[in-house]
PDB file of N, CA and C in Angstrom:
ATOM      1  N   MET A   1       0.844  -1.179   0.000  1.00  0.00           N
ATOM      2  CA  MET A   1       0.000   0.000   0.000  1.00  0.00           C
ATOM      3  C   MET A   1       0.892   1.245   0.000  1.00  0.00           C
ATOM      4  N   ASN A   2       0.621   2.153  -0.887  1.00  0.00           N
ATOM      5  CA  ASN A   2       1.375   3.398  -0.957  1.00  0.00           C
ATOM      6  C   ASN A   2       0.842   4.393   0.056  1.00  0.00           C
ATOM      7  N   ARG A   3       1.758   5.015   0.742  1.00  0.00           N
ATOM      8  CA  ARG A   3       1.378   6.078   1.686  1.00  0.00           C
ATOM      9  C   ARG A   3       1.662   7.410   1.053  1.00  0.00           C
ATOM     10  N   ILE A   4       0.710   8.286   1.143  1.00  0.00           N
ATOM     11  CA  ILE A   4       0.911   9.652   0.669  1.00  0.00           C
ATOM     12  C   ILE A   4       1.222  10.503   1.886  1.00  0.00           C
ATOM     13  N   VAL A   5       2.382  11.097   1.851  1.00  0.00           N
ATOM     14  CA  VAL A   5       2.790  11.966   2.950  1.00  0.00           C
ATOM     15  C   VAL A   5       2.621  13.406   2.509  1.00  0.00           C
ATOM     16  N   GLN A   6       1.778  14.097   3.214  1.00  0.00           N
ATOM     17  CA  GLN A   6       1.594  15.506   2.904  1.00  0.00           C
ATOM     18  C   GLN A   6       2.434  16.327   3.867  1.00  0.00           C
ATOM     19  N   THR A   7       3.135  17.265   3.294  1.00  0.00           N
ATOM     20  CA  THR A   7       3.932  18.138   4.142  1.00  0.00           C
ATOM     21  C   THR A   7       3.267  19.499   4.202  1.00  0.00           C
ATOM     22  N   LYS A   8       3.203  20.003   5.389  1.00  0.00           N
ATOM     23  CA  LYS A   8       2.618  21.324   5.591  1.00  0.00           C
ATOM     24  C   LYS A   8       3.738  22.350   5.523  1.00  0.00           C
ATOM     25  N   LYS A   9       3.553  23.357   4.695  1.00  0.00           N
ATOM     26  CA  LYS A   9       4.549  24.415   4.612  1.00  0.00           C
ATOM     27  C   LYS A   9       4.374  25.334   5.816  1.00  0.00           C
ATOM     28  N   ILE A  10       5.450  25.516   6.522  1.00  0.00           N
ATOM     29  CA  ILE A  10       5.411  26.365   7.704  1.00  0.00           C
ATOM     30  C   ILE A  10       6.135  27.664   7.398  1.00  0.00           C
ATOM     31  N   THR A  11       5.482  28.752   7.715  1.00  0.00           N
ATOM     32  CA  THR A  11       6.117  30.061   7.571  1.00  0.00           C
ATOM     33  C   THR A  11       6.139  30.743   8.933  1.00  0.00           C
ATOM     34  N   ALA A  12       7.028  31.676   9.061  1.00  0.00           N
ATOM     35  CA  ALA A  12       7.172  32.409  10.312  1.00  0.00           C
ATOM     36  C   ALA A  12       7.471  33.866  10.009  1.00  0.00           C
ATOM     37  N   ALA A  13       7.376  34.667  11.026  1.00  0.00           N
ATOM     38  CA  ALA A  13       7.737  36.077  10.927  1.00  0.00           C
ATOM     39  C   ALA A  13       8.749  36.378  12.026  1.00  0.00           C
ATOM     40  N   ILE A  14       9.535  37.396  11.806  1.00  0.00           N
ATOM     41  CA  ILE A  14      10.521  37.829  12.788  1.00  0.00           C
ATOM     42  C   ILE A  14      10.210  39.268  13.178  1.00  0.00           C
ATOM     43  N   LEU A  15      10.143  39.515  14.459  1.00  0.00           N
ATOM     44  CA  LEU A  15       9.952  40.862  14.976  1.00  0.00           C
ATOM     45  C   LEU A  15      11.258  41.297  15.632  1.00  0.00           C
ATOM     46  N   VAL A  16      11.874  42.297  15.048  1.00  0.00           N
ATOM     47  CA  VAL A  16      13.123  42.849  15.573  1.00  0.00           C
ATOM     48  C   VAL A  16      12.764  44.078  16.405  1.00  0.00           C
ATOM     49  N   ILE A  17      13.271  44.112  17.616  1.00  0.00           N
ATOM     50  CA  ILE A  17      12.957  45.215  18.524  1.00  0.00           C
ATOM     51  C   ILE A  17      14.240  45.985  18.814  1.00  0.00           C
ATOM     52  N   GLY A  18      14.215  47.287  18.538  1.00  0.00           N
ATOM     53  CA  GLY A  18      15.389  48.059  18.889  1.00  0.00           C
ATOM     54  C   GLY A  18      15.495  49.402  18.214  1.00  0.00           C
ATOM     55  N   ASN A  19      15.611  50.434  19.022  1.00  0.00           N
ATOM     56  CA  ASN A  19      15.823  51.778  18.493  1.00  0.00           C
ATOM     57  C   ASN A  19      17.141  51.870  17.730  1.00  0.00           C
ATOM     58  N   GLU A  20      18.137  51.118  18.187  1.00  0.00           N
ATOM     59  CA  GLU A  20      19.454  51.178  17.560  1.00  0.00           C
ATOM     60  C   GLU A  20      19.421  50.637  16.137  1.00  0.00           C
ATOM     61  N   ILE A  21      18.539  49.696  15.861  1.00  0.00           N
ATOM     62  CA  ILE A  21      18.389  49.178  14.502  1.00  0.00           C
ATOM     63  C   ILE A  21      17.697  50.224  13.629  1.00  0.00           C
ATOM     64  N   LEU A  22      16.642  50.818  14.163  1.00  0.00           N
ATOM     65  CA  LEU A  22      15.893  51.818  13.398  1.00  0.00           C
ATOM     66  C   LEU A  22      16.710  53.070  13.115  1.00  0.00           C
ATOM     67  N   SER A  23      17.599  53.419  14.030  1.00  0.00           N
ATOM     68  CA  SER A  23      18.397  54.634  13.836  1.00  0.00           C
ATOM     69  C   SER A  23      19.577  54.410  12.894  1.00  0.00           C
ATOM     70  N   GLY A  24      19.914  53.165  12.660  1.00  0.00           N
ATOM     71  CA  GLY A  24      21.060  52.864  11.812  1.00  0.00           C
ATOM     72  C   GLY A  24      22.368  52.752  12.574  1.00  0.00           C
ATOM     73  N   ARG A  25      22.331  52.947  13.891  1.00  0.00           N
ATOM     74  CA  ARG A  25      23.556  52.831  14.699  1.00  0.00           C
ATOM     75  C   ARG A  25      24.082  51.403  14.718  1.00  0.00           C
ATOM     76  N   THR A  26      23.158  50.448  14.629  1.00  0.00           N
ATOM     77  CA  THR A  26      23.529  49.041  14.666  1.00  0.00           C
ATOM     78  C   THR A  26      22.971  48.350  13.432  1.00  0.00           C
ATOM     79  N   THR A  27      23.788  47.515  12.816  1.00  0.00           N
ATOM     80  CA  THR A  27      23.344  46.733  11.678  1.00  0.00           C
ATOM     81  C   THR A  27      22.847  45.395  12.179  1.00  0.00           C
ATOM     82  N   ASP A  28      21.619  45.044  11.807  1.00  0.00           N
ATOM     83  CA  ASP A  28      21.067  43.765  12.235  1.00  0.00           C
ATOM     84  C   ASP A  28      21.744  42.620  11.496  1.00  0.00           C
ATOM     85  N   GLN A  29      22.217  41.651  12.234  1.00  0.00           N
ATOM     86  CA  GLN A  29      22.802  40.455  11.639  1.00  0.00           C
ATOM     87  C   GLN A  29      22.012  39.217  12.030  1.00  0.00           C
ATOM     88  N   ASN A  30      21.073  39.377  12.939  1.00  0.00           N
ATOM     89  CA  ASN A  30      20.321  38.237  13.443  1.00  0.00           C
ATOM     90  C   ASN A  30      19.282  37.721  12.459  1.00  0.00           C
ATOM     91  N   VAL A  31      18.641  38.602  11.717  1.00  0.00           N
ATOM     92  CA  VAL A  31      17.571  38.179  10.811  1.00  0.00           C
ATOM     93  C   VAL A  31      18.117  37.218   9.755  1.00  0.00           C
ATOM     94  N   SER A  32      19.206  37.568   9.134  1.00  0.00           N
ATOM     95  CA  SER A  32      19.789  36.722   8.105  1.00  0.00           C
ATOM     96  C   SER A  32      20.177  35.357   8.668  1.00  0.00           C
ATOM     97  N   TYR A  33      20.841  35.359   9.804  1.00  0.00           N
ATOM     98  CA  TYR A  33      21.259  34.101  10.435  1.00  0.00           C
ATOM     99  C   TYR A  33      20.046  33.246  10.802  1.00  0.00           C
ATOM    100  N   LEU A  34      19.072  33.859  11.466  1.00  0.00           N
ATOM    101  CA  LEU A  34      17.898  33.122  11.920  1.00  0.00           C
ATOM    102  C   LEU A  34      17.087  32.586  10.740  1.00  0.00           C
ATOM    103  N   ALA A  35      16.891  33.406   9.724  1.00  0.00           N
ATOM    104  CA  ALA A  35      16.136  32.963   8.545  1.00  0.00           C
ATOM    105  C   ALA A  35      16.828  31.787   7.863  1.00  0.00           C
ATOM    106  N   SER A  36      18.128  31.865   7.705  1.00  0.00           N
ATOM    107  CA  SER A  36      18.880  30.771   7.088  1.00  0.00           C
ATOM    108  C   SER A  36      18.805  29.509   7.927  1.00  0.00           C
ATOM    109  N   TRP A  37      18.989  29.644   9.234  1.00  0.00           N
ATOM    110  CA  TRP A  37      18.964  28.483  10.119  1.00  0.00           C
ATOM    111  C   TRP A  37      17.590  27.818  10.113  1.00  0.00           C
ATOM    112  N   LEU A  38      16.539  28.601  10.230  1.00  0.00           N
ATOM    113  CA  LEU A  38      15.185  28.039  10.227  1.00  0.00           C
ATOM    114  C   LEU A  38      14.883  27.323   8.916  1.00  0.00           C
ATOM    115  N   ASN A  39      15.281  27.922   7.804  1.00  0.00           N
ATOM    116  CA  ASN A  39      15.036  27.320   6.499  1.00  0.00           C
ATOM    117  C   ASN A  39      15.853  26.045   6.307  1.00  0.00           C
ATOM    118  N   ASN A  40      17.132  26.120   6.585  1.00  0.00           N
ATOM    119  CA  ASN A  40      18.027  24.987   6.340  1.00  0.00           C
ATOM    120  C   ASN A  40      17.812  23.828   7.301  1.00  0.00           C
ATOM    121  N   ASN A  41      17.486  24.112   8.542  1.00  0.00           N
ATOM    122  CA  ASN A  41      17.378  23.055   9.546  1.00  0.00           C
ATOM    123  C   ASN A  41      15.954  22.568   9.779  1.00  0.00           C
ATOM    124  N   LEU A  42      14.983  23.424   9.586  1.00  0.00           N
ATOM    125  CA  LEU A  42      13.604  23.047   9.895  1.00  0.00           C
ATOM    126  C   LEU A  42      12.647  23.212   8.723  1.00  0.00           C
ATOM    127  N   GLY A  43      13.114  23.786   7.629  1.00  0.00           N
ATOM    128  CA  GLY A  43      12.257  23.992   6.477  1.00  0.00           C
ATOM    129  C   GLY A  43      11.233  25.109   6.660  1.00  0.00           C
ATOM    130  N   ILE A  44      11.484  25.982   7.617  1.00  0.00           N
ATOM    131  CA  ILE A  44      10.563  27.094   7.894  1.00  0.00           C
ATOM    132  C   ILE A  44      10.996  28.307   7.080  1.00  0.00           C
ATOM    133  N   LYS A  45      10.071  28.830   6.305  1.00  0.00           N
ATOM    134  CA  LYS A  45      10.342  30.015   5.491  1.00  0.00           C
ATOM    135  C   LYS A  45       9.889  31.264   6.241  1.00  0.00           C
ATOM    136  N   ILE A  46      10.670  32.319   6.138  1.00  0.00           N
ATOM    137  CA  ILE A  46      10.302  33.598   6.750  1.00  0.00           C
ATOM    138  C   ILE A  46       9.470  34.376   5.747  1.00  0.00           C
ATOM    139  N   GLY A  47       8.267  34.751   6.160  1.00  0.00           N
ATOM    140  CA  GLY A  47       7.366  35.476   5.280  1.00  0.00           C
ATOM    141  C   GLY A  47       7.391  36.972   5.479  1.00  0.00           C
ATOM    142  N   GLU A  48       7.856  37.392   6.655  1.00  0.00           N
ATOM    143  CA  GLU A  48       7.849  38.827   6.952  1.00  0.00           C
ATOM    144  C   GLU A  48       8.812  39.129   8.092  1.00  0.00           C
ATOM    145  N   VAL A  49       9.425  40.298   8.012  1.00  0.00           N
ATOM    146  CA  VAL A  49      10.274  40.816   9.089  1.00  0.00           C
ATOM    147  C   VAL A  49       9.812  42.233   9.381  1.00  0.00           C
ATOM    148  N   ARG A  50       9.609  42.529  10.651  1.00  0.00           N
ATOM    149  CA  ARG A  50       9.240  43.888  11.068  1.00  0.00           C
ATOM    150  C   ARG A  50      10.240  44.365  12.108  1.00  0.00           C
ATOM    151  N   ILE A  51      10.487  45.652  12.071  1.00  0.00           N
ATOM    152  CA  ILE A  51      11.364  46.280  13.060  1.00  0.00           C
ATOM    153  C   ILE A  51      10.545  47.336  13.786  1.00  0.00           C
ATOM    154  N   VAL A  52      10.551  47.256  15.101  1.00  0.00           N
ATOM    155  CA  VAL A  52       9.797  48.215  15.903  1.00  0.00           C
ATOM    156  C   VAL A  52      10.714  48.837  16.956  1.00  0.00           C
ATOM    157  N   PRO A  53      10.366  50.038  17.417  1.00  0.00           N
ATOM    158  CA  PRO A  53      11.172  50.693  18.440  1.00  0.00           C
ATOM    159  C   PRO A  53      10.960  50.061  19.818  1.00  0.00           C
ATOM    160  N   ASP A  54      11.792  50.467  20.750  1.00  0.00           N
ATOM    161  CA  ASP A  54      11.704  49.983  22.136  1.00  0.00           C
ATOM    162  C   ASP A  54      10.549  50.657  22.879  1.00  0.00           C
ATOM    163  N   ILE A  55       9.372  50.497  22.341  1.00  0.00           N
ATOM    164  CA  ILE A  55       8.174  51.079  22.948  1.00  0.00           C
ATOM    165  C   ILE A  55       7.172  49.943  23.112  1.00  0.00           C
ATOM    166  N   GLU A  56       6.757  49.725  24.346  1.00  0.00           N
ATOM    167  CA  GLU A  56       5.918  48.576  24.661  1.00  0.00           C
ATOM    168  C   GLU A  56       4.679  48.471  23.772  1.00  0.00           C
ATOM    169  N   SER A  57       3.983  49.570  23.562  1.00  0.00           N
ATOM    170  CA  SER A  57       2.754  49.526  22.754  1.00  0.00           C
ATOM    171  C   SER A  57       3.045  49.119  21.311  1.00  0.00           C
ATOM    172  N   LYS A  58       4.181  49.557  20.766  1.00  0.00           N
ATOM    173  CA  LYS A  58       4.560  49.198  19.395  1.00  0.00           C
ATOM    174  C   LYS A  58       4.949  47.718  19.308  1.00  0.00           C
ATOM    175  N   ILE A  59       5.607  47.227  20.346  1.00  0.00           N
ATOM    176  CA  ILE A  59       5.975  45.823  20.390  1.00  0.00           C
ATOM    177  C   ILE A  59       4.718  44.949  20.429  1.00  0.00           C
ATOM    178  N   ILE A  60       3.782  45.321  21.275  1.00  0.00           N
ATOM    179  CA  ILE A  60       2.528  44.565  21.387  1.00  0.00           C
ATOM    180  C   ILE A  60       1.780  44.580  20.060  1.00  0.00           C
ATOM    181  N   LYS A  61       1.689  45.740  19.424  1.00  0.00           N
ATOM    182  CA  LYS A  61       1.001  45.830  18.134  1.00  0.00           C
ATOM    183  C   LYS A  61       1.705  44.963  17.084  1.00  0.00           C
ATOM    184  N   GLY A  62       3.008  44.961  17.104  1.00  0.00           N
ATOM    185  CA  GLY A  62       3.765  44.157  16.151  1.00  0.00           C
ATOM    186  C   GLY A  62       3.521  42.662  16.360  1.00  0.00           C
ATOM    187  N   VAL A  63       3.563  42.228  17.597  1.00  0.00           N
ATOM    188  CA  VAL A  63       3.331  40.808  17.900  1.00  0.00           C
ATOM    189  C   VAL A  63       1.914  40.413  17.490  1.00  0.00           C
ATOM    190  N   LEU A  64       0.940  41.227  17.841  1.00  0.00           N
ATOM    191  CA  LEU A  64      -0.449  40.906  17.500  1.00  0.00           C
ATOM    192  C   LEU A  64      -0.669  40.880  15.996  1.00  0.00           C
ATOM    193  N   ALA A  65      -0.110  41.841  15.285  1.00  0.00           N
ATOM    194  CA  ALA A  65      -0.277  41.893  13.835  1.00  0.00           C
ATOM    195  C   ALA A  65       0.369  40.671  13.173  1.00  0.00           C
ATOM    196  N   LEU A  66       1.555  40.307  13.603  1.00  0.00           N
ATOM    197  CA  LEU A  66       2.237  39.172  12.999  1.00  0.00           C
ATOM    198  C   LEU A  66       1.567  37.849  13.360  1.00  0.00           C
ATOM    199  N   SER A  67       0.950  37.779  14.523  1.00  0.00           N
ATOM    200  CA  SER A  67       0.279  36.537  14.918  1.00  0.00           C
ATOM    201  C   SER A  67      -0.986  36.291  14.095  1.00  0.00           C
ATOM    202  N   LYS A  68      -1.507  37.335  13.469  1.00  0.00           N
ATOM    203  CA  LYS A  68      -2.708  37.211  12.651  1.00  0.00           C
ATOM    204  C   LYS A  68      -2.395  36.929  11.192  1.00  0.00           C
ATOM    205  N   SER A  69      -1.153  37.118  10.806  1.00  0.00           N
ATOM    206  CA  SER A  69      -0.819  36.920   9.387  1.00  0.00           C
ATOM    207  C   SER A  69      -0.271  35.548   9.119  1.00  0.00           C
TER     208      SER A  69
END
């Protein structure tokens, strides 16, 4: 009997938090590393990356928005 294995495509989003990233003082290196690692090791594709400032309300809005997409 043949088994059909269906694979579910998993996507994720990354929320980067930091005024230093938004100001350009710091170059983000984590997104590239994390996206590559997730894709290569777990088959998870990154569908979106957002950067928000160190403001609690903006962080909450970012998490909620990404959890709905």
